[in-house]
Structures are given as C-alpha cells and as structure tokens.
C-alpha atoms as a PDB file:
ATOM      1  CA  UNK A   1     145.736 -65.820 192.548  1.00  0.00           C
ATOM      2  CA  UNK A   2     145.445 -66.957 196.150  1.00  0.00           C
ATOM      3  CA  UNK A   3     142.493 -69.051 197.229  1.00  0.00           C
ATOM      4  CA  UNK A   4     140.879 -70.622 200.257  1.00  0.00           C
ATOM      5  CA  UNK A   5     142.660 -70.586 203.575  1.00  0.00           C
ATOM      6  CA  UNK A   6     145.926 -69.465 201.968  1.00  0.00           C
ATOM      7  CA  UNK A   7     144.267 -66.056 202.202  1.00  0.00           C
ATOM      8  CA  UNK A   8     144.196 -66.201 206.000  1.00  0.00           C
ATOM      9  CA  UNK A   9     147.988 -66.588 206.100  1.00  0.00           C
ATOM     10  CA  UNK A  10     148.464 -63.880 203.478  1.00  0.00           C
ATOM     11  CA  UNK A  11     146.246 -61.503 205.422  1.00  0.00           C
ATOM     12  CA  UNK A  12     147.834 -62.047 208.837  1.00  0.00           C
ATOM     13  CA  UNK A  13     151.376 -61.649 207.472  1.00  0.00           C
ATOM     14  CA  UNK A  14     150.490 -58.330 205.864  1.00  0.00           C
ATOM     15  CA  UNK A  15     148.507 -57.196 208.896  1.00  0.00           C
ATOM     16  CA  UNK A  16     151.565 -57.766 211.074  1.00  0.00           C
ATOM     17  CA  UNK A  17     153.652 -55.613 208.721  1.00  0.00           C
ATOM     18  CA  UNK A  18     151.007 -52.883 208.695  1.00  0.00           C
ATOM     19  CA  UNK A  19     150.678 -52.837 212.491  1.00  0.00           C
ATOM     20  CA  UNK A  20     154.418 -53.284 213.152  1.00  0.00           C
ATOM     21  CA  UNK A  21     153.896 -56.348 215.333  1.00  0.00           C
ATOM     22  CA  UNK A  22     156.153 -59.403 215.502  1.00  0.00           C
ATOM     23  CA  UNK A  23     155.733 -61.791 212.574  1.00  0.00           C
ATOM     24  CA  UNK A  24     152.909 -64.342 212.912  1.00  0.00           C
ATOM     25  CA  UNK A  25     153.762 -67.739 214.340  1.00  0.00           C
ATOM     26  CA  UNK A  26     152.231 -70.705 212.507  1.00  0.00           C
ATOM     27  CA  UNK A  27     150.296 -73.072 214.770  1.00  0.00           C
ATOM     28  CA  UNK A  28     148.436 -76.315 213.964  1.00  0.00           C
ATOM     29  CA  UNK A  29     145.054 -74.565 213.854  1.00  0.00           C
ATOM     30  CA  UNK A  30     146.157 -71.251 212.344  1.00  0.00           C
ATOM     31  CA  UNK A  31     148.427 -68.418 213.492  1.00  0.00           C
ATOM     32  CA  UNK A  32     149.369 -66.483 216.609  1.00  0.00           C
ATOM     33  CA  UNK A  33     150.440 -62.831 216.703  1.00  0.00           C
ATOM     34  CA  UNK A  34     151.941 -61.416 219.895  1.00  0.00           C
ATOM     35  CA  UNK A  35     150.489 -57.922 219.547  1.00  0.00           C
ATOM     36  CA  UNK A  36     151.533 -56.681 222.981  1.00  0.00           C
ATOM     37  CA  UNK A  37     149.019 -53.852 223.387  1.00  0.00           C
ATOM     38  CA  UNK A  38     146.761 -53.090 226.381  1.00  0.00           C
ATOM     39  CA  UNK A  39     143.541 -54.977 225.787  1.00  0.00           C
ATOM     40  CA  UNK A  40     145.089 -56.798 222.835  1.00  0.00           C
ATOM     41  CA  UNK A  41     148.028 -58.806 224.094  1.00  0.00           C
ATOM     42  CA  UNK A  42     147.794 -61.731 221.713  1.00  0.00           C
ATOM     43  CA  UNK A  43     145.697 -62.637 218.678  1.00  0.00           C
ATOM     44  CA  UNK A  44     144.907 -66.116 217.367  1.00  0.00           C
ATOM     45  CA  UNK A  45     143.732 -66.580 213.782  1.00  0.00           C
ATOM     46  CA  UNK A  46     141.901 -69.880 213.413  1.00  0.00           C
ATOM     47  CA  UNK A  47     141.190 -71.650 210.120  1.00  0.00           C
ATOM     48  CA  UNK A  48     138.053 -73.406 211.325  1.00  0.00           C
ATOM     49  CA  UNK A  49     135.420 -73.313 214.082  1.00  0.00           C
ATOM     50  CA  UNK A  50     136.567 -76.828 215.020  1.00  0.00           C
ATOM     51  CA  UNK A  51     139.502 -75.227 216.852  1.00  0.00           C
ATOM     52  CA  UNK A  52     137.451 -72.715 218.835  1.00  0.00           C
ATOM     53  CA  UNK A  53     136.394 -74.937 221.733  1.00  0.00           C
ATOM     54  CA  UNK A  54     139.940 -75.923 222.646  1.00  0.00           C
ATOM     55  CA  UNK A  55     141.319 -72.405 222.270  1.00  0.00           C
ATOM     56  CA  UNK A  56     138.434 -70.822 224.157  1.00  0.00           C
ATOM     57  CA  UNK A  57     139.194 -73.023 227.165  1.00  0.00           C
ATOM     58  CA  UNK A  58     142.995 -72.818 227.127  1.00  0.00           C
ATOM     59  CA  UNK A  59     143.831 -69.204 226.172  1.00  0.00           C
ATOM     60  CA  UNK A  60     141.045 -67.289 227.911  1.00  0.00           C
ATOM     61  CA  UNK A  61     143.223 -64.591 229.454  1.00  0.00           C
ATOM     62  CA  UNK A  62     142.209 -60.910 229.453  1.00  0.00           C
ATOM     63  CA  UNK A  63     143.389 -59.149 226.309  1.00  0.00           C
ATOM     64  CA  UNK A  64     143.327 -62.300 224.160  1.00  0.00           C
ATOM     65  CA  UNK A  65     141.579 -62.213 220.770  1.00  0.00           C
ATOM     66  CA  UNK A  66     140.348 -64.968 218.466  1.00  0.00           C
ATOM     67  CA  UNK A  67     139.422 -64.406 214.836  1.00  0.00           C
ATOM     68  CA  UNK A  68     137.942 -67.538 213.326  1.00  0.00           C
ATOM     69  CA  UNK A  69     137.030 -68.369 209.728  1.00  0.00           C
ATOM     70  CA  UNK A  70     133.610 -69.992 209.467  1.00  0.00           C
ATOM     71  CA  UNK A  71     129.956 -69.585 210.294  1.00  0.00           C
ATOM     72  CA  UNK A  72     128.983 -67.404 213.223  1.00  0.00           C
ATOM     73  CA  UNK A  73     126.784 -70.056 214.803  1.00  0.00           C
ATOM     74  CA  UNK A  74     129.591 -72.621 214.797  1.00  0.00           C
ATOM     75  CA  UNK A  75     132.131 -70.192 216.254  1.00  0.00           C
ATOM     76  CA  UNK A  76     129.862 -68.849 218.991  1.00  0.00           C
ATOM     77  CA  UNK A  77     128.889 -72.388 219.979  1.00  0.00           C
ATOM     78  CA  UNK A  78     132.519 -73.095 220.874  1.00  0.00           C
ATOM     79  CA  UNK A  79     133.063 -70.032 223.056  1.00  0.00           C
ATOM     80  CA  UNK A  80     132.941 -70.102 226.849  1.00  0.00           C
ATOM     81  CA  UNK A  81     131.216 -67.329 228.871  1.00  0.00           C
ATOM     82  CA  UNK A  82     134.534 -65.491 229.307  1.00  0.00           C
ATOM     83  CA  UNK A  83     134.497 -64.490 225.627  1.00  0.00           C
ATOM     84  CA  UNK A  84     132.685 -61.580 223.990  1.00  0.00           C
ATOM     85  CA  UNK A  85     131.916 -62.078 220.305  1.00  0.00           C
ATOM     86  CA  UNK A  86     132.046 -59.099 217.945  1.00  0.00           C
ATOM     87  CA  UNK A  87     130.273 -58.378 214.677  1.00  0.00           C
ATOM     88  CA  UNK A  88     131.034 -60.742 211.800  1.00  0.00           C
ATOM     89  CA  UNK A  89     133.795 -59.611 209.458  1.00  0.00           C
ATOM     90  CA  UNK A  90     134.649 -60.762 205.931  1.00  0.00           C
ATOM     91  CA  UNK A  91     137.954 -62.003 204.550  1.00  0.00           C
ATOM     92  CA  UNK A  92     138.031 -60.721 200.970  1.00  0.00           C
ATOM     93  CA  UNK A  93     140.388 -61.018 198.005  1.00  0.00           C
ATOM     94  CA  UNK A  94     141.022 -59.294 194.688  1.00  0.00           C
ATOM     95  CA  UNK A  95     143.217 -60.125 191.716  1.00  0.00           C
ATOM     96  CA  UNK A  96     144.931 -57.394 189.711  1.00  0.00           C
ATOM     97  CA  UNK A  97     144.995 -53.618 190.225  1.00  0.00           C
ATOM     98  CA  UNK A  98     142.031 -51.918 191.868  1.00  0.00           C
ATOM     99  CA  UNK A  99     140.082 -49.886 189.246  1.00  0.00           C
ATOM    100  CA  UNK A 100     141.151 -46.247 188.801  1.00  0.00           C
ATOM    101  CA  UNK A 101     139.283 -43.508 190.669  1.00  0.00           C
ATOM    102  CA  UNK A 102     139.916 -39.770 190.819  1.00  0.00           C
ATOM    103  CA  UNK A 103     139.214 -37.408 193.693  1.00  0.00           C
ATOM    104  CA  UNK A 104     136.494 -34.800 193.252  1.00  0.00           C
ATOM    105  CA  UNK A 105     137.463 -31.104 192.939  1.00  0.00           C
ATOM    106  CA  UNK A 106     138.466 -29.664 196.303  1.00  0.00           C
ATOM    107  CA  UNK A 107     140.220 -32.836 197.463  1.00  0.00           C
ATOM    108  CA  UNK A 108     143.919 -33.630 197.348  1.00  0.00           C
ATOM    109  CA  UNK A 109     145.651 -36.995 197.655  1.00  0.00           C
ATOM    110  CA  UNK A 110     148.903 -37.708 199.504  1.00  0.00           C
ATOM    111  CA  UNK A 111     150.812 -40.984 199.272  1.00  0.00           C
ATOM    112  CA  UNK A 112     153.553 -41.646 201.840  1.00  0.00           C
ATOM    113  CA  UNK A 113     155.914 -44.584 202.288  1.00  0.00           C
ATOM    114  CA  UNK A 114     158.497 -46.495 200.319  1.00  0.00           C
ATOM    115  CA  UNK A 115     157.543 -50.069 201.232  1.00  0.00           C
ATOM    116  CA  UNK A 116     156.696 -52.505 202.503  1.00  0.00           C
ATOM    117  CA  UNK A 117     153.873 -50.223 203.735  1.00  0.00           C
ATOM    118  CA  UNK A 118     152.271 -47.101 202.298  1.00  0.00           C
ATOM    119  CA  UNK A 119     149.661 -44.632 203.570  1.00  0.00           C
ATOM    120  CA  UNK A 120     147.164 -42.685 201.488  1.00  0.00           C
ATOM    121  CA  UNK A 121     145.305 -39.637 202.785  1.00  0.00           C
ATOM    122  CA  UNK A 122     142.608 -37.735 200.896  1.00  0.00           C
ATOM    123  CA  UNK A 123     142.198 -34.233 202.308  1.00  0.00           C
ATOM    124  CA  UNK A 124     139.747 -31.380 201.994  1.00  0.00           C
ATOM    125  CA  UNK A 125     141.980 -28.371 202.431  1.00  0.00           C
ATOM    126  CA  UNK A 126     144.085 -29.201 205.474  1.00  0.00           C
ATOM    127  CA  UNK A 127     141.540 -31.623 206.925  1.00  0.00           C
ATOM    128  CA  UNK A 128     141.934 -35.386 206.315  1.00  0.00           C
ATOM    129  CA  UNK A 129     138.710 -36.799 204.828  1.00  0.00           C
ATOM    130  CA  UNK A 130     139.642 -40.416 204.014  1.00  0.00           C
ATOM    131  CA  UNK A 131     142.663 -42.589 204.640  1.00  0.00           C
ATOM    132  CA  UNK A 132     144.060 -46.073 204.409  1.00  0.00           C
ATOM    133  CA  UNK A 133     147.195 -48.194 204.543  1.00  0.00           C
ATOM    134  CA  UNK A 134     148.539 -51.095 202.523  1.00  0.00           C
ATOM    135  CA  UNK A 135     151.373 -53.480 203.396  1.00  0.00           C
ATOM    136  CA  UNK A 136     152.985 -56.020 201.092  1.00  0.00           C
ATOM    137  CA  UNK A 137     154.093 -59.387 202.466  1.00  0.00           C
ATOM    138  CA  UNK A 138     154.958 -62.392 200.340  1.00  0.00           C
ATOM    139  CA  UNK A 139     153.941 -60.534 197.197  1.00  0.00           C
ATOM    140  CA  UNK A 140     150.381 -59.944 198.453  1.00  0.00           C
ATOM    141  CA  UNK A 141     148.977 -56.483 199.222  1.00  0.00           C
ATOM    142  CA  UNK A 142     147.044 -56.322 202.498  1.00  0.00           C
ATOM    143  CA  UNK A 143     144.732 -53.327 202.858  1.00  0.00           C
ATOM    144  CA  UNK A 144     144.237 -51.950 206.365  1.00  0.00           C
ATOM    145  CA  UNK A 145     142.673 -49.056 208.274  1.00  0.00           C
ATOM    146  CA  UNK A 146     140.452 -47.921 205.386  1.00  0.00           C
ATOM    147  CA  UNK A 147     138.078 -45.216 206.602  1.00  0.00           C
ATOM    148  CA  UNK A 148     136.197 -42.127 205.450  1.00  0.00           C
ATOM    149  CA  UNK A 149     135.031 -39.443 207.858  1.00  0.00           C
ATOM    150  CA  UNK A 150     131.205 -39.313 208.044  1.00  0.00           C
ATOM    151  CA  UNK A 151     130.878 -35.829 206.562  1.00  0.00           C
ATOM    152  CA  UNK A 152     132.825 -36.872 203.464  1.00  0.00           C
ATOM    153  CA  UNK A 153     131.092 -40.166 202.692  1.00  0.00           C
ATOM    154  CA  UNK A 154     129.236 -40.957 199.454  1.00  0.00           C
ATOM    155  CA  UNK A 155     131.723 -38.933 197.432  1.00  0.00           C
ATOM    156  CA  UNK A 156     133.806 -41.814 196.099  1.00  0.00           C
ATOM    157  CA  UNK A 157     136.756 -41.124 198.374  1.00  0.00           C
ATOM    158  CA  UNK A 158     136.989 -44.747 199.511  1.00  0.00           C
ATOM    159  CA  UNK A 159     137.465 -45.769 195.881  1.00  0.00           C
ATOM    160  CA  UNK A 160     140.213 -43.193 195.512  1.00  0.00           C
ATOM    161  CA  UNK A 161     142.018 -44.496 198.607  1.00  0.00           C
ATOM    162  CA  UNK A 162     141.759 -48.089 197.406  1.00  0.00           C
ATOM    163  CA  UNK A 163     143.040 -47.268 193.929  1.00  0.00           C
ATOM    164  CA  UNK A 164     145.994 -45.245 195.142  1.00  0.00           C
ATOM    165  CA  UNK A 165     146.944 -47.896 197.707  1.00  0.00           C
ATOM    166  CA  UNK A 166     146.797 -50.582 195.028  1.00  0.00           C
ATOM    167  CA  UNK A 167     148.900 -48.428 192.722  1.00  0.00           C
ATOM    168  CA  UNK A 168     151.523 -47.904 195.429  1.00  0.00           C
ATOM    169  CA  UNK A 169     151.681 -51.589 196.353  1.00  0.00           C
ATOM    170  CA  UNK A 170     151.903 -52.855 192.776  1.00  0.00           C
ATOM    171  CA  UNK A 171     150.978 -56.400 193.840  1.00  0.00           C
ATOM    172  CA  UNK A 172     149.051 -58.853 191.687  1.00  0.00           C
ATOM    173  CA  UNK A 173     146.856 -60.137 194.532  1.00  0.00           C
ATOM    174  CA  UNK A 174     145.225 -58.272 197.402  1.00  0.00           C
ATOM    175  CA  UNK A 175     143.379 -59.219 200.588  1.00  0.00           C
ATOM    176  CA  UNK A 176     141.611 -57.409 203.399  1.00  0.00           C
ATOM    177  CA  UNK A 177     139.333 -57.985 206.366  1.00  0.00           C
ATOM    178  CA  UNK A 178     136.126 -55.986 205.942  1.00  0.00           C
ATOM    179  CA  UNK A 179     133.399 -54.886 208.304  1.00  0.00           C
ATOM    180  CA  UNK A 180     129.798 -55.383 207.231  1.00  0.00           C
ATOM    181  CA  UNK A 181     129.690 -51.730 206.159  1.00  0.00           C
ATOM    182  CA  UNK A 182     132.950 -51.932 204.213  1.00  0.00           C
ATOM    183  CA  UNK A 183     131.931 -55.128 202.463  1.00  0.00           C
ATOM    184  CA  UNK A 184     129.516 -53.190 200.235  1.00  0.00           C
ATOM    185  CA  UNK A 185     132.243 -50.854 198.946  1.00  0.00           C
ATOM    186  CA  UNK A 186     134.692 -53.648 198.280  1.00  0.00           C
ATOM    187  CA  UNK A 187     132.097 -55.835 196.578  1.00  0.00           C
ATOM    188  CA  UNK A 188     131.224 -52.946 194.263  1.00  0.00           C
ATOM    189  CA  UNK A 189     134.915 -52.753 193.325  1.00  0.00           C
ATOM    190  CA  UNK A 190     135.001 -56.440 192.404  1.00  0.00           C
ATOM    191  CA  UNK A 191     136.365 -57.970 195.608  1.00  0.00           C
ATOM    192  CA  UNK A 192     135.091 -61.427 196.530  1.00  0.00           C
ATOM    193  CA  UNK A 193     134.287 -62.819 199.979  1.00  0.00           C
ATOM    194  CA  UNK A 194     136.426 -65.854 200.789  1.00  0.00           C
ATOM    195  CA  UNK A 195     135.192 -66.476 204.325  1.00  0.00           C
ATOM    196  CA  UNK A 196     133.175 -65.041 207.164  1.00  0.00           C
ATOM    197  CA  UNK A 197     135.418 -64.233 210.134  1.00  0.00           C
ATOM    198  CA  UNK A 198     134.012 -64.075 213.662  1.00  0.00           C
ATOM    199  CA  UNK A 199     136.034 -62.067 216.216  1.00  0.00           C
ATOM    200  CA  UNK A 200     135.912 -62.676 219.961  1.00  0.00           C
ATOM    201  CA  UNK A 201     137.959 -61.431 222.876  1.00  0.00           C
ATOM    202  CA  UNK A 202     138.326 -61.679 226.640  1.00  0.00           C
ATOM    203  CA  UNK A 203     137.964 -58.138 228.012  1.00  0.00           C
ATOM    204  CA  UNK A 204     140.525 -56.667 230.357  1.00  0.00           C
ATOM    205  CA  UNK A 205     139.319 -57.017 233.931  1.00  0.00           C
ATOM    206  CA  UNK A 206     137.599 -60.326 233.226  1.00  0.00           C
ATOM    207  CA  UNK A 207     138.028 -62.926 235.937  1.00  0.00           C
END
C-alpha cells in the first residue's frame, strides 16, 4: 500500500512513462517534468499549497503548468494574475486488482503493449467506444487517458477498461488523477481519494 504524498511521486513517475516524457526531477517542494509540448513546456507537481506563492512568481512563463495537492481556496490564493486555474482534480489510489468486468454483447476488447505501458480499447464493430492506458513505474500501476465516447456511456465500458488495464499491469497498488466526472466511476470501483489537486497554467501568448 502507498499512502499520503508518496502517491504524488508514484503518480508522476507513471505519468511520465505513459506520456513518454523525461523522468520527473525531484525538487524540494515536489517534482518537475520537462514535457516539451506547445502550451505545456514544463509541469510542476507541488505537495502543498504553501509552495504555490513562490512558484507562481518565479516560473510564470507561458506553457508552464502547476498541479498542487491541497484545498482549492489555498492554492488559488497563492496564484498571481498570470495563472489560469482549472477544475479541481482528485489523486486517487487502489490496492489490489480492479474488480472483474465483462463487455456487453456487440463489444470487443483489445489489449496492446508488453510493458511498462499497455493500452486497452473497447470497440463496437470497428469503432472505438472506450479506451485507456496504464503504465507501471516502481511497482505501481498508473492509469491514464481513461475515456468513453458519449454515445457508449452508461454501459459499463469504463469498468471493463479499468479491469483489463489492471489485469495487464499486474501491480499490487494503483493510482490515477481523476476529473470530477471520473471520480464517481472510480469511487464506485473502490478507489479512495488521497488529495484534491488544483491545476493552473500560464497560457501561451500571456505577457
């Protein structure tokens, strides 16, 4: 079992594997990932809102992202006007394999990859209906890019994706970063919220 802020490190290491970015760099207040994409050059993962004020003043370049564990009010209070805060996300964890789930008739499941990352796609005929990815880093499975197309929702496909990803990863502990909408699915599967996470970024073109 992993607990507390150990989960932040576990998540960012697996996220970097999933997104094929350089490995995270440990910093006194959390981690830095040099993503290198337009609009997302660098990402800082902060353990506490106490670090936000300093970071918000010193790294406010366009394309920089902060994701901070803690209450939304405390995080937003530390931001300068250059930053745009996004919707609150949830760092979640699970111990053991995700419960089994089978696809409904008319859907097929494809698993691709041989580690440390795998992709699962649930299709209706030749059309992808739900998908997701898992990456294993340090013995922890990190779930990423879980989504179901709107016309195929409420059919249990998200549960199928989660189960098959967990089965492929074979890890004893799992973590993910959920949106408010995704939190409901994961909670129903037994995942627990470890921390709120507040994202913020400096948009490209900002002065």
